[in-house]
């Protein structure tokens, strides 16, 4: 029973960390440039402030200015 609870808690922590790595925020005075596997196009400029989602850390990278 204790082993199953530890596995469930571990998976929940892993899920929260994965979800955390898939979000980014843009401030009202910032612009974000999102690149997908190192390629940037004109649709990857984010100007709207707030919380945004992206693919996990190995696929997308976000730079805020």
PDB file of N, CA and C in Angstrom:
ATOM      1  N   UNK A   1       0.826  -1.194   0.000  1.00  0.00           N
ATOM      2  CA  UNK A   1       0.000   0.000   0.000  1.00  0.00           C
ATOM      3  C   UNK A   1       0.863   1.248   0.000  1.00  0.00           C
ATOM      4  N   UNK A   2       1.913   1.266   0.817  1.00  0.00           N
ATOM      5  CA  UNK A   2       2.761   2.440   0.894  1.00  0.00           C
ATOM      6  C   UNK A   2       3.537   2.636  -0.404  1.00  0.00           C
ATOM      7  N   UNK A   3       3.884   1.532  -1.061  1.00  0.00           N
ATOM      8  CA  UNK A   3       4.616   1.613  -2.316  1.00  0.00           C
ATOM      9  C   UNK A   3       3.746   2.224  -3.412  1.00  0.00           C
ATOM     10  N   UNK A   4       2.476   1.857  -3.448  1.00  0.00           N
ATOM     11  CA  UNK A   4       1.555   2.407  -4.442  1.00  0.00           C
ATOM     12  C   UNK A   4       1.332   3.905  -4.213  1.00  0.00           C
ATOM     13  N   UNK A   5       1.230   4.298  -2.957  1.00  0.00           N
ATOM     14  CA  UNK A   5       1.043   5.719  -2.643  1.00  0.00           C
ATOM     15  C   UNK A   5       2.268   6.525  -3.048  1.00  0.00           C
ATOM     16  N   UNK A   6       3.453   5.978  -2.840  1.00  0.00           N
ATOM     17  CA  UNK A   6       4.680   6.674  -3.230  1.00  0.00           C
ATOM     18  C   UNK A   6       4.772   6.828  -4.741  1.00  0.00           C
ATOM     19  N   UNK A   7       4.348   5.805  -5.471  1.00  0.00           N
ATOM     20  CA  UNK A   7       4.364   5.891  -6.930  1.00  0.00           C
ATOM     21  C   UNK A   7       3.368   6.930  -7.421  1.00  0.00           C
ATOM     22  N   UNK A   8       2.199   6.970  -6.844  1.00  0.00           N
ATOM     23  CA  UNK A   8       1.184   7.953  -7.242  1.00  0.00           C
ATOM     24  C   UNK A   8       1.659   9.369  -6.929  1.00  0.00           C
ATOM     25  N   UNK A   9       2.236   9.573  -5.771  1.00  0.00           N
ATOM     26  CA  UNK A   9       2.748  10.901  -5.409  1.00  0.00           C
ATOM     27  C   UNK A   9       3.887  11.299  -6.337  1.00  0.00           C
ATOM     28  N   UNK A  10       4.763  10.358  -6.662  1.00  0.00           N
ATOM     29  CA  UNK A  10       5.859  10.644  -7.580  1.00  0.00           C
ATOM     30  C   UNK A  10       5.367  11.014  -8.970  1.00  0.00           C
ATOM     31  N   UNK A  11       4.364  10.306  -9.471  1.00  0.00           N
ATOM     32  CA  UNK A  11       3.796  10.633 -10.781  1.00  0.00           C
ATOM     33  C   UNK A  11       3.092  11.988 -10.761  1.00  0.00           C
ATOM     34  N   UNK A  12       2.441  12.316  -9.667  1.00  0.00           N
ATOM     35  CA  UNK A  12       1.782  13.617  -9.558  1.00  0.00           C
ATOM     36  C   UNK A  12       2.805  14.746  -9.571  1.00  0.00           C
ATOM     37  N   UNK A  13       3.916  14.565  -8.868  1.00  0.00           N
ATOM     38  CA  UNK A  13       4.969  15.580  -8.864  1.00  0.00           C
ATOM     39  C   UNK A  13       5.578  15.718 -10.255  1.00  0.00           C
ATOM     40  N   UNK A  14       5.793  14.609 -10.934  1.00  0.00           N
ATOM     41  CA  UNK A  14       6.322  14.640 -12.299  1.00  0.00           C
ATOM     42  C   UNK A  14       5.375  15.355 -13.240  1.00  0.00           C
ATOM     43  N   UNK A  15       4.075  15.122 -13.099  1.00  0.00           N
ATOM     44  CA  UNK A  15       3.075  15.787 -13.929  1.00  0.00           C
ATOM     45  C   UNK A  15       3.071  17.294 -13.687  1.00  0.00           C
ATOM     46  N   UNK A  16       3.161  17.718 -12.444  1.00  0.00           N
ATOM     47  CA  UNK A  16       3.179  19.146 -12.124  1.00  0.00           C
ATOM     48  C   UNK A  16       4.432  19.808 -12.691  1.00  0.00           C
ATOM     49  N   UNK A  17       5.570  19.149 -12.596  1.00  0.00           N
ATOM     50  CA  UNK A  17       6.799  19.706 -13.164  1.00  0.00           C
ATOM     51  C   UNK A  17       6.735  19.795 -14.684  1.00  0.00           C
ATOM     52  N   UNK A  18       6.150  18.807 -15.331  1.00  0.00           N
ATOM     53  CA  UNK A  18       5.985  18.850 -16.782  1.00  0.00           C
ATOM     54  C   UNK A  18       5.046  19.980 -17.182  1.00  0.00           C
ATOM     55  N   UNK A  19       3.957  20.142 -16.447  1.00  0.00           N
ATOM     56  CA  UNK A  19       3.023  21.227 -16.732  1.00  0.00           C
ATOM     57  C   UNK A  19       3.677  22.588 -16.511  1.00  0.00           C
ATOM     58  N   UNK A  20       4.500  22.697 -15.476  1.00  0.00           N
ATOM     59  CA  UNK A  20       5.204  23.945 -15.209  1.00  0.00           C
ATOM     60  C   UNK A  20       6.175  24.285 -16.330  1.00  0.00           C
ATOM     61  N   UNK A  21       6.800  23.276 -16.932  1.00  0.00           N
ATOM     62  CA  UNK A  21       7.745  23.532 -18.017  1.00  0.00           C
ATOM     63  C   UNK A  21       7.049  23.879 -19.327  1.00  0.00           C
ATOM     64  N   UNK A  22       5.733  23.721 -19.378  1.00  0.00           N
ATOM     65  CA  UNK A  22       4.988  24.012 -20.596  1.00  0.00           C
ATOM     66  C   UNK A  22       4.280  25.360 -20.550  1.00  0.00           C
ATOM     67  N   UNK A  23       4.573  26.193 -19.561  1.00  0.00           N
ATOM     68  CA  UNK A  23       3.947  27.508 -19.471  1.00  0.00           C
ATOM     69  C   UNK A  23       5.010  28.591 -19.417  1.00  0.00           C
ATOM     70  N   UNK A  24       4.617  29.783 -19.856  1.00  0.00           N
ATOM     71  CA  UNK A  24       5.460  30.963 -19.712  1.00  0.00           C
ATOM     72  C   UNK A  24       4.550  32.174 -19.625  1.00  0.00           C
ATOM     73  N   UNK A  25       5.058  33.242 -19.049  1.00  0.00           N
ATOM     74  CA  UNK A  25       4.241  34.437 -18.900  1.00  0.00           C
ATOM     75  C   UNK A  25       4.932  35.618 -19.578  1.00  0.00           C
ATOM     76  N   UNK A  26       4.099  36.505 -20.080  1.00  0.00           N
ATOM     77  CA  UNK A  26       4.564  37.718 -20.740  1.00  0.00           C
ATOM     78  C   UNK A  26       3.978  38.892 -19.975  1.00  0.00           C
ATOM     79  N   UNK A  27       4.830  39.810 -19.566  1.00  0.00           N
ATOM     80  CA  UNK A  27       4.375  40.999 -18.868  1.00  0.00           C
ATOM     81  C   UNK A  27       3.766  42.014 -19.824  1.00  0.00           C
ATOM     82  N   UNK A  28       3.102  43.015 -19.276  1.00  0.00           N
ATOM     83  CA  UNK A  28       2.444  44.003 -20.123  1.00  0.00           C
ATOM     84  C   UNK A  28       3.448  44.867 -20.875  1.00  0.00           C
ATOM     85  N   UNK A  29       4.691  44.931 -20.409  1.00  0.00           N
ATOM     86  CA  UNK A  29       5.718  45.721 -21.091  1.00  0.00           C
ATOM     87  C   UNK A  29       6.768  44.833 -21.757  1.00  0.00           C
ATOM     88  N   UNK A  30       6.413  43.581 -22.055  1.00  0.00           N
ATOM     89  CA  UNK A  30       7.346  42.630 -22.648  1.00  0.00           C
ATOM     90  C   UNK A  30       6.813  42.086 -23.970  1.00  0.00           C
ATOM     91  N   UNK A  31       7.743  41.555 -24.752  1.00  0.00           N
ATOM     92  CA  UNK A  31       7.429  40.828 -25.974  1.00  0.00           C
ATOM     93  C   UNK A  31       8.168  39.503 -25.886  1.00  0.00           C
ATOM     94  N   UNK A  32       7.530  38.418 -26.282  1.00  0.00           N
ATOM     95  CA  UNK A  32       8.159  37.102 -26.225  1.00  0.00           C
ATOM     96  C   UNK A  32       8.382  36.588 -27.641  1.00  0.00           C
ATOM     97  N   UNK A  33       9.529  35.970 -27.833  1.00  0.00           N
ATOM     98  CA  UNK A  33       9.880  35.357 -29.105  1.00  0.00           C
ATOM     99  C   UNK A  33       9.985  33.854 -28.868  1.00  0.00           C
ATOM    100  N   UNK A  34       9.078  33.103 -29.503  1.00  0.00           N
ATOM    101  CA  UNK A  34       9.013  31.661 -29.294  1.00  0.00           C
ATOM    102  C   UNK A  34       9.610  30.958 -30.508  1.00  0.00           C
ATOM    103  N   UNK A  35      10.572  30.076 -30.266  1.00  0.00           N
ATOM    104  CA  UNK A  35      11.174  29.317 -31.365  1.00  0.00           C
ATOM    105  C   UNK A  35      10.855  27.843 -31.193  1.00  0.00           C
ATOM    106  N   UNK A  36      10.492  27.212 -32.296  1.00  0.00           N
ATOM    107  CA  UNK A  36      10.138  25.797 -32.301  1.00  0.00           C
ATOM    108  C   UNK A  36      11.267  25.032 -32.979  1.00  0.00           C
ATOM    109  N   UNK A  37      12.011  24.246 -32.190  1.00  0.00           N
ATOM    110  CA  UNK A  37      13.207  23.533 -32.646  1.00  0.00           C
ATOM    111  C   UNK A  37      14.210  24.486 -33.295  1.00  0.00           C
ATOM    112  N   UNK A  38      14.331  25.699 -32.765  1.00  0.00           N
ATOM    113  CA  UNK A  38      15.298  26.671 -33.238  1.00  0.00           C
ATOM    114  C   UNK A  38      14.836  27.528 -34.397  1.00  0.00           C
ATOM    115  N   UNK A  39      13.650  27.294 -34.937  1.00  0.00           N
ATOM    116  CA  UNK A  39      13.145  28.067 -36.070  1.00  0.00           C
ATOM    117  C   UNK A  39      12.133  29.090 -35.578  1.00  0.00           C
ATOM    118  N   UNK A  40      12.284  30.319 -36.062  1.00  0.00           N
ATOM    119  CA  UNK A  40      11.404  31.410 -35.665  1.00  0.00           C
ATOM    120  C   UNK A  40      10.699  31.926 -36.911  1.00  0.00           C
ATOM    121  N   UNK A  41       9.387  32.108 -36.824  1.00  0.00           N
ATOM    122  CA  UNK A  41       8.655  32.750 -37.915  1.00  0.00           C
ATOM    123  C   UNK A  41       7.840  33.912 -37.356  1.00  0.00           C
ATOM    124  N   UNK A  42       7.150  34.628 -38.232  1.00  0.00           N
ATOM    125  CA  UNK A  42       6.457  35.847 -37.792  1.00  0.00           C
ATOM    126  C   UNK A  42       5.288  35.558 -36.858  1.00  0.00           C
ATOM    127  N   UNK A  43       4.740  34.357 -36.882  1.00  0.00           N
ATOM    128  CA  UNK A  43       3.610  34.044 -36.002  1.00  0.00           C
ATOM    129  C   UNK A  43       4.062  33.665 -34.593  1.00  0.00           C
ATOM    130  N   UNK A  44       5.368  33.604 -34.361  1.00  0.00           N
ATOM    131  CA  UNK A  44       5.860  33.197 -33.045  1.00  0.00           C
ATOM    132  C   UNK A  44       6.230  34.383 -32.158  1.00  0.00           C
ATOM    133  N   UNK A  45       5.824  35.575 -32.536  1.00  0.00           N
ATOM    134  CA  UNK A  45       6.028  36.757 -31.691  1.00  0.00           C
ATOM    135  C   UNK A  45       4.766  36.946 -30.855  1.00  0.00           C
ATOM    136  N   UNK A  46       4.922  36.926 -29.538  1.00  0.00           N
ATOM    137  CA  UNK A  46       3.777  37.017 -28.625  1.00  0.00           C
ATOM    138  C   UNK A  46       3.813  38.381 -27.959  1.00  0.00           C
ATOM    139  N   UNK A  47       2.761  39.163 -28.173  1.00  0.00           N
ATOM    140  CA  UNK A  47       2.682  40.506 -27.596  1.00  0.00           C
ATOM    141  C   UNK A  47       1.616  40.628 -26.516  1.00  0.00           C
ATOM    142  N   UNK A  48       0.716  39.646 -26.429  1.00  0.00           N
ATOM    143  CA  UNK A  48      -0.360  39.708 -25.443  1.00  0.00           C
ATOM    144  C   UNK A  48       0.166  39.330 -24.066  1.00  0.00           C
ATOM    145  N   UNK A  49      -0.078  40.163 -23.049  1.00  0.00           N
ATOM    146  CA  UNK A  49       0.380  39.811 -21.702  1.00  0.00           C
ATOM    147  C   UNK A  49      -0.448  38.670 -21.126  1.00  0.00           C
ATOM    148  N   UNK A  50       0.168  37.926 -20.236  1.00  0.00           N
ATOM    149  CA  UNK A  50      -0.542  36.848 -19.556  1.00  0.00           C
ATOM    150  C   UNK A  50       0.207  35.536 -19.609  1.00  0.00           C
ATOM    151  N   UNK A  51      -0.504  34.487 -19.221  1.00  0.00           N
ATOM    152  CA  UNK A  51       0.057  33.142 -19.180  1.00  0.00           C
ATOM    153  C   UNK A  51      -0.182  32.470 -20.526  1.00  0.00           C
ATOM    154  N   UNK A  52       0.858  31.871 -21.076  1.00  0.00           N
ATOM    155  CA  UNK A  52       0.777  31.199 -22.371  1.00  0.00           C
ATOM    156  C   UNK A  52       1.349  29.797 -22.242  1.00  0.00           C
ATOM    157  N   UNK A  53       0.992  28.943 -23.193  1.00  0.00           N
ATOM    158  CA  UNK A  53       1.458  27.572 -23.187  1.00  0.00           C
ATOM    159  C   UNK A  53       2.397  27.324 -24.361  1.00  0.00           C
ATOM    160  N   UNK A  54       3.277  26.353 -24.181  1.00  0.00           N
ATOM    161  CA  UNK A  54       4.217  25.965 -25.215  1.00  0.00           C
ATOM    162  C   UNK A  54       4.460  24.471 -25.090  1.00  0.00           C
ATOM    163  N   UNK A  55       5.164  23.906 -26.067  1.00  0.00           N
ATOM    164  CA  UNK A  55       5.562  22.511 -25.974  1.00  0.00           C
ATOM    165  C   UNK A  55       6.651  22.397 -24.919  1.00  0.00           C
ATOM    166  N   UNK A  56       6.926  21.214 -24.435  1.00  0.00           N
ATOM    167  CA  UNK A  56       7.947  21.065 -23.389  1.00  0.00           C
ATOM    168  C   UNK A  56       9.300  21.647 -23.785  1.00  0.00           C
ATOM    169  N   UNK A  57      10.181  21.753 -22.802  1.00  0.00           N
ATOM    170  CA  UNK A  57      11.439  22.474 -22.921  1.00  0.00           C
ATOM    171  C   UNK A  57      12.332  22.002 -24.062  1.00  0.00           C
ATOM    172  N   UNK A  58      12.207  20.762 -24.512  1.00  0.00           N
ATOM    173  CA  UNK A  58      13.076  20.291 -25.582  1.00  0.00           C
ATOM    174  C   UNK A  58      12.585  20.704 -26.964  1.00  0.00           C
ATOM    175  N   UNK A  59      11.338  21.123 -27.109  1.00  0.00           N
ATOM    176  CA  UNK A  59      10.792  21.480 -28.419  1.00  0.00           C
ATOM    177  C   UNK A  59      10.737  22.986 -28.627  1.00  0.00           C
ATOM    178  N   UNK A  60      10.258  23.737 -27.673  1.00  0.00           N
ATOM    179  CA  UNK A  60      10.103  25.183 -27.794  1.00  0.00           C
ATOM    180  C   UNK A  60      10.983  25.891 -26.776  1.00  0.00           C
ATOM    181  N   UNK A  61      11.499  27.024 -27.199  1.00  0.00           N
ATOM    182  CA  UNK A  61      12.190  27.900 -26.243  1.00  0.00           C
ATOM    183  C   UNK A  61      11.624  29.299 -26.398  1.00  0.00           C
ATOM    184  N   UNK A  62      11.534  30.006 -25.295  1.00  0.00           N
ATOM    185  CA  UNK A  62      10.921  31.330 -25.267  1.00  0.00           C
ATOM    186  C   UNK A  62      11.917  32.318 -24.693  1.00  0.00           C
ATOM    187  N   UNK A  63      12.076  33.434 -25.390  1.00  0.00           N
ATOM    188  CA  UNK A  63      12.915  34.533 -24.910  1.00  0.00           C
ATOM    189  C   UNK A  63      12.046  35.767 -24.796  1.00  0.00           C
ATOM    190  N   UNK A  64      12.058  36.399 -23.626  1.00  0.00           N
ATOM    191  CA  UNK A  64      11.263  37.596 -23.433  1.00  0.00           C
ATOM    192  C   UNK A  64      12.174  38.822 -23.470  1.00  0.00           C
ATOM    193  N   UNK A  65      11.664  39.869 -24.070  1.00  0.00           N
ATOM    194  CA  UNK A  65      12.389  41.150 -24.163  1.00  0.00           C
ATOM    195  C   UNK A  65      11.550  42.237 -23.577  1.00  0.00           C
TER     196      UNK A  65
END
